[in-house]
């Protein structure tokens, strides 16, 4: 689940325990180009994720809606 979504990044609540600071991931958001970024910090089941490029308000809104509906997005190692 994504929390604290901004144009620059977000916090993910994750079920994986093999995510480390500095790892690169991307995820798909319907109707938008893939969003890529870097894990900045990891604390327990939460990670801080910085986007490579700022995302639009529309993309932020779509991300909030998607996370509320399906409880998350799939992260892929980049």
PDB file of N, CA and C in Angstrom:
ATOM      1  N   UNK A   1       0.848  -1.177   0.000  1.00  0.00           N
ATOM      2  CA  UNK A   1       0.000   0.000   0.000  1.00  0.00           C
ATOM      3  C   UNK A   1       0.890   1.237   0.000  1.00  0.00           C
ATOM      4  N   UNK A   2       0.516   2.219  -0.770  1.00  0.00           N
ATOM      5  CA  UNK A   2       1.267   3.475  -0.817  1.00  0.00           C
ATOM      6  C   UNK A   2       0.633   4.480   0.141  1.00  0.00           C
ATOM      7  N   UNK A   3       1.479   5.211   0.832  1.00  0.00           N
ATOM      8  CA  UNK A   3       1.033   6.259   1.754  1.00  0.00           C
ATOM      9  C   UNK A   3       1.855   7.517   1.496  1.00  0.00           C
ATOM     10  N   UNK A   4       1.361   8.614   1.986  1.00  0.00           N
ATOM     11  CA  UNK A   4       2.098   9.885   1.915  1.00  0.00           C
ATOM     12  C   UNK A   4       2.599  10.160   0.493  1.00  0.00           C
ATOM     13  N   UNK A   5       1.713  10.043  -0.469  1.00  0.00           N
ATOM     14  CA  UNK A   5       2.069  10.214  -1.880  1.00  0.00           C
ATOM     15  C   UNK A   5       2.232  11.699  -2.192  1.00  0.00           C
ATOM     16  N   UNK A   6       3.358  12.045  -2.793  1.00  0.00           N
ATOM     17  CA  UNK A   6       3.598  13.411  -3.254  1.00  0.00           C
ATOM     18  C   UNK A   6       4.151  13.340  -4.666  1.00  0.00           C
ATOM     19  N   UNK A   7       4.451  14.481  -5.244  1.00  0.00           N
ATOM     20  CA  UNK A   7       5.008  14.478  -6.597  1.00  0.00           C
ATOM     21  C   UNK A   7       6.418  13.882  -6.618  1.00  0.00           C
ATOM     22  N   UNK A   8       7.119  13.917  -5.488  1.00  0.00           N
ATOM     23  CA  UNK A   8       8.507  13.480  -5.412  1.00  0.00           C
ATOM     24  C   UNK A   8       8.696  12.029  -4.971  1.00  0.00           C
ATOM     25  N   UNK A   9       7.691  11.450  -4.308  1.00  0.00           N
ATOM     26  CA  UNK A   9       7.850  10.090  -3.820  1.00  0.00           C
ATOM     27  C   UNK A   9       6.709   9.671  -2.908  1.00  0.00           C
ATOM     28  N   UNK A  10       6.901   8.550  -2.232  1.00  0.00           N
ATOM     29  CA  UNK A  10       5.869   8.042  -1.338  1.00  0.00           C
ATOM     30  C   UNK A  10       6.484   7.057  -0.344  1.00  0.00           C
ATOM     31  N   UNK A  11       5.651   6.597   0.540  1.00  0.00           N
ATOM     32  CA  UNK A  11       6.032   5.532   1.450  1.00  0.00           C
ATOM     33  C   UNK A  11       5.231   4.299   1.048  1.00  0.00           C
ATOM     34  N   UNK A  12       5.891   3.167   0.930  1.00  0.00           N
ATOM     35  CA  UNK A  12       5.204   1.918   0.640  1.00  0.00           C
ATOM     36  C   UNK A  12       5.206   1.044   1.874  1.00  0.00           C
ATOM     37  N   UNK A  13       4.080   0.417   2.115  1.00  0.00           N
ATOM     38  CA  UNK A  13       3.980  -0.641   3.105  1.00  0.00           C
ATOM     39  C   UNK A  13       4.138  -1.931   2.310  1.00  0.00           C
ATOM     40  N   UNK A  14       5.120  -2.753   2.653  1.00  0.00           N
ATOM     41  CA  UNK A  14       5.446  -3.912   1.832  1.00  0.00           C
ATOM     42  C   UNK A  14       5.356  -5.219   2.619  1.00  0.00           C
ATOM     43  N   UNK A  15       5.199  -6.315   1.881  1.00  0.00           N
ATOM     44  CA  UNK A  15       5.179  -7.641   2.499  1.00  0.00           C
ATOM     45  C   UNK A  15       6.490  -8.382   2.239  1.00  0.00           C
ATOM     46  N   UNK A  16       7.334  -7.831   1.423  1.00  0.00           N
ATOM     47  CA  UNK A  16       8.635  -8.445   1.135  1.00  0.00           C
ATOM     48  C   UNK A  16       9.632  -8.041   2.206  1.00  0.00           C
ATOM     49  N   UNK A  17      10.578  -8.930   2.484  1.00  0.00           N
ATOM     50  CA  UNK A  17      11.604  -8.586   3.459  1.00  0.00           C
ATOM     51  C   UNK A  17      12.992  -8.491   2.837  1.00  0.00           C
ATOM     52  N   UNK A  18      13.049  -8.495   1.504  1.00  0.00           N
ATOM     53  CA  UNK A  18      14.339  -8.444   0.820  1.00  0.00           C
ATOM     54  C   UNK A  18      14.588  -7.116   0.108  1.00  0.00           C
ATOM     55  N   UNK A  19      13.879  -6.076   0.492  1.00  0.00           N
ATOM     56  CA  UNK A  19      14.057  -4.756  -0.116  1.00  0.00           C
ATOM     57  C   UNK A  19      15.104  -3.998   0.694  1.00  0.00           C
ATOM     58  N   UNK A  20      16.048  -3.378  -0.023  1.00  0.00           N
ATOM     59  CA  UNK A  20      17.142  -2.672   0.638  1.00  0.00           C
ATOM     60  C   UNK A  20      17.275  -1.245   0.109  1.00  0.00           C
ATOM     61  N   UNK A  21      17.830  -0.403   0.947  1.00  0.00           N
ATOM     62  CA  UNK A  21      18.130   0.973   0.575  1.00  0.00           C
ATOM     63  C   UNK A  21      18.972   0.979  -0.702  1.00  0.00           C
ATOM     64  N   UNK A  22      18.636   1.864  -1.626  1.00  0.00           N
ATOM     65  CA  UNK A  22      19.389   1.985  -2.867  1.00  0.00           C
ATOM     66  C   UNK A  22      18.869   1.142  -4.013  1.00  0.00           C
ATOM     67  N   UNK A  23      17.968   0.182  -3.733  1.00  0.00           N
ATOM     68  CA  UNK A  23      17.417  -0.632  -4.820  1.00  0.00           C
ATOM     69  C   UNK A  23      16.540   0.235  -5.719  1.00  0.00           C
ATOM     70  N   UNK A  24      16.542  -0.122  -6.989  1.00  0.00           N
ATOM     71  CA  UNK A  24      15.747   0.595  -7.983  1.00  0.00           C
ATOM     72  C   UNK A  24      14.533  -0.245  -8.326  1.00  0.00           C
ATOM     73  N   UNK A  25      13.365   0.404  -8.376  1.00  0.00           N
ATOM     74  CA  UNK A  25      12.126  -0.270  -8.730  1.00  0.00           C
ATOM     75  C   UNK A  25      11.345   0.588  -9.705  1.00  0.00           C
ATOM     76  N   UNK A  26      10.391  -0.043 -10.358  1.00  0.00           N
ATOM     77  CA  UNK A  26       9.422   0.677 -11.179  1.00  0.00           C
ATOM     78  C   UNK A  26       8.074   0.029 -10.950  1.00  0.00           C
ATOM     79  N   UNK A  27       7.026   0.766 -11.260  1.00  0.00           N
ATOM     80  CA  UNK A  27       5.688   0.201 -11.188  1.00  0.00           C
ATOM     81  C   UNK A  27       4.816   0.834 -12.248  1.00  0.00           C
ATOM     82  N   UNK A  28       3.802   0.080 -12.638  1.00  0.00           N
ATOM     83  CA  UNK A  28       2.878   0.539 -13.668  1.00  0.00           C
ATOM     84  C   UNK A  28       1.662   1.168 -13.009  1.00  0.00           C
ATOM     85  N   UNK A  29       1.194   2.224 -13.611  1.00  0.00           N
ATOM     86  CA  UNK A  29      -0.016   2.907 -13.177  1.00  0.00           C
ATOM     87  C   UNK A  29      -0.831   3.141 -14.436  1.00  0.00           C
ATOM     88  N   UNK A  30      -1.985   2.498 -14.535  1.00  0.00           N
ATOM     89  CA  UNK A  30      -2.798   2.558 -15.754  1.00  0.00           C
ATOM     90  C   UNK A  30      -2.930   3.986 -16.286  1.00  0.00           C
ATOM     91  N   UNK A  31      -2.620   4.134 -17.570  1.00  0.00           N
ATOM     92  CA  UNK A  31      -2.771   5.422 -18.236  1.00  0.00           C
ATOM     93  C   UNK A  31      -1.580   6.354 -18.088  1.00  0.00           C
ATOM     94  N   UNK A  32      -0.516   5.909 -17.423  1.00  0.00           N
ATOM     95  CA  UNK A  32       0.672   6.736 -17.204  1.00  0.00           C
ATOM     96  C   UNK A  32       1.908   5.929 -17.568  1.00  0.00           C
ATOM     97  N   UNK A  33       2.997   6.629 -17.934  1.00  0.00           N
ATOM     98  CA  UNK A  33       4.234   5.888 -18.201  1.00  0.00           C
ATOM     99  C   UNK A  33       4.714   5.208 -16.915  1.00  0.00           C
ATOM    100  N   UNK A  34       5.534   4.163 -17.023  1.00  0.00           N
ATOM    101  CA  UNK A  34       6.043   3.510 -15.809  1.00  0.00           C
ATOM    102  C   UNK A  34       6.708   4.537 -14.882  1.00  0.00           C
ATOM    103  N   UNK A  35       6.502   4.360 -13.611  1.00  0.00           N
ATOM    104  CA  UNK A  35       7.092   5.251 -12.610  1.00  0.00           C
ATOM    105  C   UNK A  35       8.293   4.515 -12.022  1.00  0.00           C
ATOM    106  N   UNK A  36       9.462   5.146 -12.128  1.00  0.00           N
ATOM    107  CA  UNK A  36      10.706   4.545 -11.645  1.00  0.00           C
ATOM    108  C   UNK A  36      11.260   5.360 -10.493  1.00  0.00           C
ATOM    109  N   UNK A  37      12.014   4.664  -9.637  1.00  0.00           N
ATOM    110  CA  UNK A  37      12.617   5.378  -8.529  1.00  0.00           C
ATOM    111  C   UNK A  37      13.549   4.507  -7.704  1.00  0.00           C
ATOM    112  N   UNK A  38      13.953   5.063  -6.558  1.00  0.00           N
ATOM    113  CA  UNK A  38      14.954   4.440  -5.697  1.00  0.00           C
ATOM    114  C   UNK A  38      14.450   4.365  -4.264  1.00  0.00           C
ATOM    115  N   UNK A  39      14.719   3.253  -3.617  1.00  0.00           N
ATOM    116  CA  UNK A  39      14.399   3.099  -2.194  1.00  0.00           C
ATOM    117  C   UNK A  39      15.400   3.949  -1.407  1.00  0.00           C
ATOM    118  N   UNK A  40      14.905   4.881  -0.611  1.00  0.00           N
ATOM    119  CA  UNK A  40      15.764   5.777   0.178  1.00  0.00           C
ATOM    120  C   UNK A  40      15.972   5.277   1.602  1.00  0.00           C
ATOM    121  N   UNK A  41      14.968   4.598   2.150  1.00  0.00           N
ATOM    122  CA  UNK A  41      15.103   4.065   3.511  1.00  0.00           C
ATOM    123  C   UNK A  41      14.167   2.878   3.688  1.00  0.00           C
ATOM    124  N   UNK A  42      14.493   2.024   4.641  1.00  0.00           N
ATOM    125  CA  UNK A  42      13.680   0.855   4.974  1.00  0.00           C
ATOM    126  C   UNK A  42      13.580   0.778   6.495  1.00  0.00           C
ATOM    127  N   UNK A  43      12.356   0.707   7.011  1.00  0.00           N
ATOM    128  CA  UNK A  43      12.110   0.515   8.440  1.00  0.00           C
ATOM    129  C   UNK A  43      10.987  -0.503   8.566  1.00  0.00           C
ATOM    130  N   UNK A  44      11.347  -1.693   9.027  1.00  0.00           N
ATOM    131  CA  UNK A  44      10.387  -2.771   9.212  1.00  0.00           C
ATOM    132  C   UNK A  44       9.680  -3.065   7.892  1.00  0.00           C
ATOM    133  N   UNK A  45       8.349  -2.869   7.837  1.00  0.00           N
ATOM    134  CA  UNK A  45       7.587  -3.173   6.620  1.00  0.00           C
ATOM    135  C   UNK A  45       7.279  -1.924   5.796  1.00  0.00           C
ATOM    136  N   UNK A  46       8.054  -0.867   5.988  1.00  0.00           N
ATOM    137  CA  UNK A  46       7.827   0.383   5.253  1.00  0.00           C
ATOM    138  C   UNK A  46       9.101   0.828   4.556  1.00  0.00           C
ATOM    139  N   UNK A  47       8.925   1.376   3.364  1.00  0.00           N
ATOM    140  CA  UNK A  47      10.071   1.896   2.617  1.00  0.00           C
ATOM    141  C   UNK A  47       9.744   3.287   2.090  1.00  0.00           C
ATOM    142  N   UNK A  48      10.739   4.145   2.082  1.00  0.00           N
ATOM    143  CA  UNK A  48      10.624   5.455   1.460  1.00  0.00           C
ATOM    144  C   UNK A  48      11.091   5.330   0.026  1.00  0.00           C
ATOM    145  N   UNK A  49      10.271   5.764  -0.902  1.00  0.00           N
ATOM    146  CA  UNK A  49      10.542   5.596  -2.327  1.00  0.00           C
ATOM    147  C   UNK A  49      10.563   6.956  -3.005  1.00  0.00           C
ATOM    148  N   UNK A  50      11.706   7.333  -3.595  1.00  0.00           N
ATOM    149  CA  UNK A  50      11.843   8.607  -4.301  1.00  0.00           C
ATOM    150  C   UNK A  50      11.701   8.369  -5.797  1.00  0.00           C
ATOM    151  N   UNK A  51      10.763   9.073  -6.423  1.00  0.00           N
ATOM    152  CA  UNK A  51      10.562   8.955  -7.865  1.00  0.00           C
ATOM    153  C   UNK A  51      11.727   9.610  -8.608  1.00  0.00           C
ATOM    154  N   UNK A  52      12.085   9.056  -9.768  1.00  0.00           N
ATOM    155  CA  UNK A  52      13.132   9.649 -10.592  1.00  0.00           C
ATOM    156  C   UNK A  52      12.718  11.022 -11.106  1.00  0.00           C
ATOM    157  N   UNK A  53      11.442  11.144 -11.439  1.00  0.00           N
ATOM    158  CA  UNK A  53      10.891  12.417 -11.937  1.00  0.00           C
ATOM    159  C   UNK A  53       9.607  12.706 -11.172  1.00  0.00           C
ATOM    160  N   UNK A  54       9.334  13.966 -10.902  1.00  0.00           N
ATOM    161  CA  UNK A  54       8.071  14.282 -10.223  1.00  0.00           C
ATOM    162  C   UNK A  54       6.877  13.770 -11.034  1.00  0.00           C
ATOM    163  N   UNK A  55       5.862  13.293 -10.330  1.00  0.00           N
ATOM    164  CA  UNK A  55       4.644  12.853 -11.016  1.00  0.00           C
ATOM    165  C   UNK A  55       3.572  13.929 -10.868  1.00  0.00           C
ATOM    166  N   UNK A  56       2.666  13.945 -11.810  1.00  0.00           N
ATOM    167  CA  UNK A  56       1.607  14.962 -11.832  1.00  0.00           C
ATOM    168  C   UNK A  56       0.582  14.733 -10.718  1.00  0.00           C
ATOM    169  N   UNK A  57      -0.215  15.746 -10.473  1.00  0.00           N
ATOM    170  CA  UNK A  57      -1.308  15.614  -9.492  1.00  0.00           C
ATOM    171  C   UNK A  57      -2.287  14.523  -9.922  1.00  0.00           C
ATOM    172  N   UNK A  58      -2.524  14.436 -11.239  1.00  0.00           N
ATOM    173  CA  UNK A  58      -3.417  13.392 -11.757  1.00  0.00           C
ATOM    174  C   UNK A  58      -2.860  12.003 -11.457  1.00  0.00           C
ATOM    175  N   UNK A  59      -1.558  11.824 -11.652  1.00  0.00           N
ATOM    176  CA  UNK A  59      -0.933  10.532 -11.366  1.00  0.00           C
ATOM    177  C   UNK A  59      -0.974  10.235  -9.865  1.00  0.00           C
ATOM    178  N   UNK A  60      -0.770  11.262  -9.039  1.00  0.00           N
ATOM    179  CA  UNK A  60      -0.862  11.074  -7.586  1.00  0.00           C
ATOM    180  C   UNK A  60      -2.266  10.616  -7.196  1.00  0.00           C
ATOM    181  N   UNK A  61      -3.261  11.262  -7.765  1.00  0.00           N
ATOM    182  CA  UNK A  61      -4.652  10.907  -7.481  1.00  0.00           C
ATOM    183  C   UNK A  61      -4.955   9.480  -7.939  1.00  0.00           C
ATOM    184  N   UNK A  62      -4.496   9.130  -9.143  1.00  0.00           N
ATOM    185  CA  UNK A  62      -4.714   7.770  -9.663  1.00  0.00           C
ATOM    186  C   UNK A  62      -4.037   6.743  -8.766  1.00  0.00           C
ATOM    187  N   UNK A  63      -2.867   7.070  -8.269  1.00  0.00           N
ATOM    188  CA  UNK A  63      -2.144   6.163  -7.385  1.00  0.00           C
ATOM    189  C   UNK A  63      -2.901   5.968  -6.068  1.00  0.00           C
ATOM    190  N   UNK A  64      -3.433   7.058  -5.515  1.00  0.00           N
ATOM    191  CA  UNK A  64      -4.230   6.959  -4.277  1.00  0.00           C
ATOM    192  C   UNK A  64      -5.460   6.083  -4.498  1.00  0.00           C
ATOM    193  N   UNK A  65      -6.156   6.301  -5.623  1.00  0.00           N
ATOM    194  CA  UNK A  65      -7.359   5.515  -5.921  1.00  0.00           C
ATOM    195  C   UNK A  65      -7.020   4.054  -6.121  1.00  0.00           C
ATOM    196  N   UNK A  66      -5.963   3.780  -6.866  1.00  0.00           N
ATOM    197  CA  UNK A  66      -5.583   2.388  -7.121  1.00  0.00           C
ATOM    198  C   UNK A  66      -5.203   1.695  -5.821  1.00  0.00           C
ATOM    199  N   UNK A  67      -4.451   2.347  -4.992  1.00  0.00           N
ATOM    200  CA  UNK A  67      -4.037   1.729  -3.725  1.00  0.00           C
ATOM    201  C   UNK A  67      -5.234   1.485  -2.820  1.00  0.00           C
ATOM    202  N   UNK A  68      -6.213   2.366  -2.871  1.00  0.00           N
ATOM    203  CA  UNK A  68      -7.413   2.185  -2.052  1.00  0.00           C
ATOM    204  C   UNK A  68      -8.250   1.021  -2.576  1.00  0.00           C
ATOM    205  N   UNK A  69      -8.252   0.833  -3.886  1.00  0.00           N
ATOM    206  CA  UNK A  69      -9.087  -0.209  -4.483  1.00  0.00           C
ATOM    207  C   UNK A  69      -8.424  -1.578  -4.404  1.00  0.00           C
ATOM    208  N   UNK A  70      -7.159  -1.683  -4.818  1.00  0.00           N
ATOM    209  CA  UNK A  70      -6.512  -2.994  -4.857  1.00  0.00           C
ATOM    210  C   UNK A  70      -5.448  -3.165  -3.783  1.00  0.00           C
ATOM    211  N   UNK A  71      -5.369  -2.202  -2.911  1.00  0.00           N
ATOM    212  CA  UNK A  71      -4.398  -2.247  -1.814  1.00  0.00           C
ATOM    213  C   UNK A  71      -2.969  -2.450  -2.268  1.00  0.00           C
ATOM    214  N   UNK A  72      -2.583  -1.721  -3.298  1.00  0.00           N
ATOM    215  CA  UNK A  72      -1.180  -1.745  -3.648  1.00  0.00           C
ATOM    216  C   UNK A  72      -0.859  -1.764  -5.120  1.00  0.00           C
ATOM    217  N   UNK A  73       0.421  -1.692  -5.376  1.00  0.00           N
ATOM    218  CA  UNK A  73       0.953  -1.786  -6.731  1.00  0.00           C
ATOM    219  C   UNK A  73       2.082  -2.805  -6.694  1.00  0.00           C
ATOM    220  N   UNK A  74       2.361  -3.398  -7.844  1.00  0.00           N
ATOM    221  CA  UNK A  74       3.449  -4.355  -7.943  1.00  0.00           C
ATOM    222  C   UNK A  74       4.746  -3.594  -8.237  1.00  0.00           C
ATOM    223  N   UNK A  75       5.766  -3.817  -7.418  1.00  0.00           N
ATOM    224  CA  UNK A  75       7.073  -3.214  -7.649  1.00  0.00           C
ATOM    225  C   UNK A  75       7.940  -4.209  -8.409  1.00  0.00           C
ATOM    226  N   UNK A  76       8.664  -3.719  -9.408  1.00  0.00           N
ATOM    227  CA  UNK A  76       9.556  -4.540 -10.206  1.00  0.00           C
ATOM    228  C   UNK A  76      10.964  -3.988 -10.115  1.00  0.00           C
ATOM    229  N   UNK A  77      11.957  -4.844  -9.880  1.00  0.00           N
ATOM    230  CA  UNK A  77      13.340  -4.385  -9.877  1.00  0.00           C
ATOM    231  C   UNK A  77      13.663  -3.771 -11.221  1.00  0.00           C
ATOM    232  N   UNK A  78      14.282  -2.621 -11.212  1.00  0.00           N
ATOM    233  CA  UNK A  78      14.650  -1.929 -12.466  1.00  0.00           C
ATOM    234  C   UNK A  78      16.101  -2.153 -12.793  1.00  0.00           C
TER     235      UNK A  78
END
